[in-house]
Amino acid sequence: MKPAAEHNVAGYTVLETARGRVVVAQRTGLIARRIVQRAPVGSLLARGERFGLIRFGSRTDVYLPSDKATATVAPGDRVVGGVTVIARWS
C-alpha cells in the first residue's frame, strides 16, 4: 500500500503480553473499507485465536517491543494470518 494508507480508517487492538505490549493496526483499503473487530474490550485471548479480520486489499501492521522481538519478515513481505511467523521473541 502507499504511504497515504496511514491516513485510512484503522482499528487498533492492544495486546498486553508477558513480554510487553503488542499493537495490531488493521487499516482499510482505498475501495472496500471493511474491518471486523471480533474481540470485545478486555477479552482474554488464547494463542492463535482470531480477534478480527480485514477484507479486500487492506493491510495489518503489527508493532512489537523492539528490545524483545526479532522480525522474521521484512516490510512489504506477503504473509498469511495464522501461518507465517512474523517475529520471534528474544
Protein backbone atom coordinates (compact mmCIF):
# COMPACT_ATOMS: atom_id res chain seq x y z
CA MET A 1 0.00 0.00 0.00
CA LYS A 2 1.01 3.58 -0.47
CA PRO A 3 2.19 5.78 2.42
CA ALA A 4 -1.16 7.60 2.20
CA ALA A 5 -2.75 4.44 3.66
CA GLU A 6 -1.52 5.64 7.05
CA HIS A 7 -4.49 8.04 6.95
CA ASN A 8 -7.14 5.44 6.10
CA VAL A 9 -9.65 4.25 8.67
CA ALA A 10 -7.99 1.89 11.15
CA GLY A 11 -8.96 -0.37 14.02
CA TYR A 12 -6.39 -0.86 16.77
CA THR A 13 -6.07 -3.86 19.06
CA VAL A 14 -3.69 -3.60 22.01
CA LEU A 15 -2.47 -6.88 23.46
CA GLU A 16 -0.82 -6.92 26.89
CA THR A 17 1.54 -9.90 26.92
CA ALA A 18 4.07 -11.27 29.39
CA ARG A 19 6.80 -9.87 27.11
CA GLY A 20 5.29 -6.43 26.61
CA ARG A 21 2.63 -4.58 24.68
CA VAL A 22 1.80 -5.60 21.10
CA VAL A 23 -0.29 -3.29 18.94
CA VAL A 24 -2.13 -4.51 15.84
CA ALA A 25 -3.38 -1.83 13.44
CA GLN A 26 -5.88 -3.02 10.85
CA ARG A 27 -6.02 -0.43 8.04
CA THR A 28 -8.73 -0.29 5.41
CA GLY A 29 -8.09 -0.27 1.69
CA LEU A 30 -9.00 2.54 -0.68
CA ILE A 31 -12.14 0.98 -2.13
CA ALA A 32 -13.65 -1.53 0.28
CA ARG A 33 -13.39 -0.16 3.80
CA ARG A 34 -14.15 -3.23 5.89
CA ILE A 35 -12.63 -4.06 9.29
CA VAL A 36 -14.25 -6.66 11.55
CA GLN A 37 -13.34 -6.45 15.26
CA ARG A 38 -14.39 -9.68 16.97
CA ALA A 39 -12.88 -9.43 20.46
CA PRO A 40 -14.64 -7.14 22.93
CA VAL A 41 -12.52 -4.80 25.06
CA GLY A 42 -10.96 -6.70 27.96
CA SER A 43 -11.11 -10.13 26.28
CA LEU A 44 -8.60 -12.79 27.24
CA LEU A 45 -7.28 -14.29 24.01
CA ALA A 46 -5.61 -17.67 23.54
CA ARG A 47 -2.54 -18.14 21.34
CA GLY A 48 -3.63 -18.28 17.70
CA GLU A 49 -7.16 -17.10 18.43
CA ARG A 50 -8.70 -14.81 15.83
CA PHE A 51 -9.65 -11.40 17.15
CA GLY A 52 -10.60 -9.63 13.93
CA LEU A 53 -10.12 -9.51 10.20
CA ILE A 54 -9.85 -7.13 7.30
CA ARG A 55 -11.09 -7.59 3.76
CA PHE A 56 -10.42 -6.55 0.19
CA GLY A 57 -6.80 -5.45 -0.05
CA SER A 58 -6.49 -3.83 3.33
CA ARG A 59 -3.39 -4.21 5.48
CA THR A 60 -2.37 -5.09 9.01
CA ASP A 61 0.57 -3.52 10.84
CA VAL A 62 1.99 -5.24 13.94
CA TYR A 63 4.07 -3.27 16.42
CA LEU A 64 6.24 -5.35 18.78
CA PRO A 65 8.62 -4.31 21.58
CA SER A 66 11.88 -3.80 19.64
CA ASP A 67 14.04 -4.97 22.54
CA LYS A 68 12.15 -8.24 22.98
CA ALA A 69 11.30 -9.42 19.46
CA THR A 70 13.22 -10.07 16.25
CA ALA A 71 11.38 -9.80 12.94
CA THR A 72 11.46 -12.78 10.58
CA VAL A 73 9.79 -10.87 7.74
CA ALA A 74 10.54 -7.50 6.15
CA PRO A 75 8.18 -4.61 5.34
CA GLY A 76 6.25 -5.44 2.18
CA ASP A 77 6.58 -9.24 2.52
CA ARG A 78 3.37 -11.12 1.93
CA VAL A 79 2.26 -13.10 4.96
CA VAL A 80 -0.64 -15.41 5.72
CA GLY A 81 -2.50 -14.99 9.01
CA GLY A 82 -2.13 -17.98 11.30
CA VAL A 83 0.57 -19.48 9.07
CA THR A 84 3.52 -17.08 8.65
CA VAL A 85 5.79 -16.48 11.64
CA ILE A 86 6.40 -12.72 11.59
CA ALA A 87 8.73 -12.46 14.62
CA ARG A 88 10.43 -14.47 17.34
CA TRP A 89 10.63 -13.40 20.97
CA SER A 90 14.21 -12.84 22.14
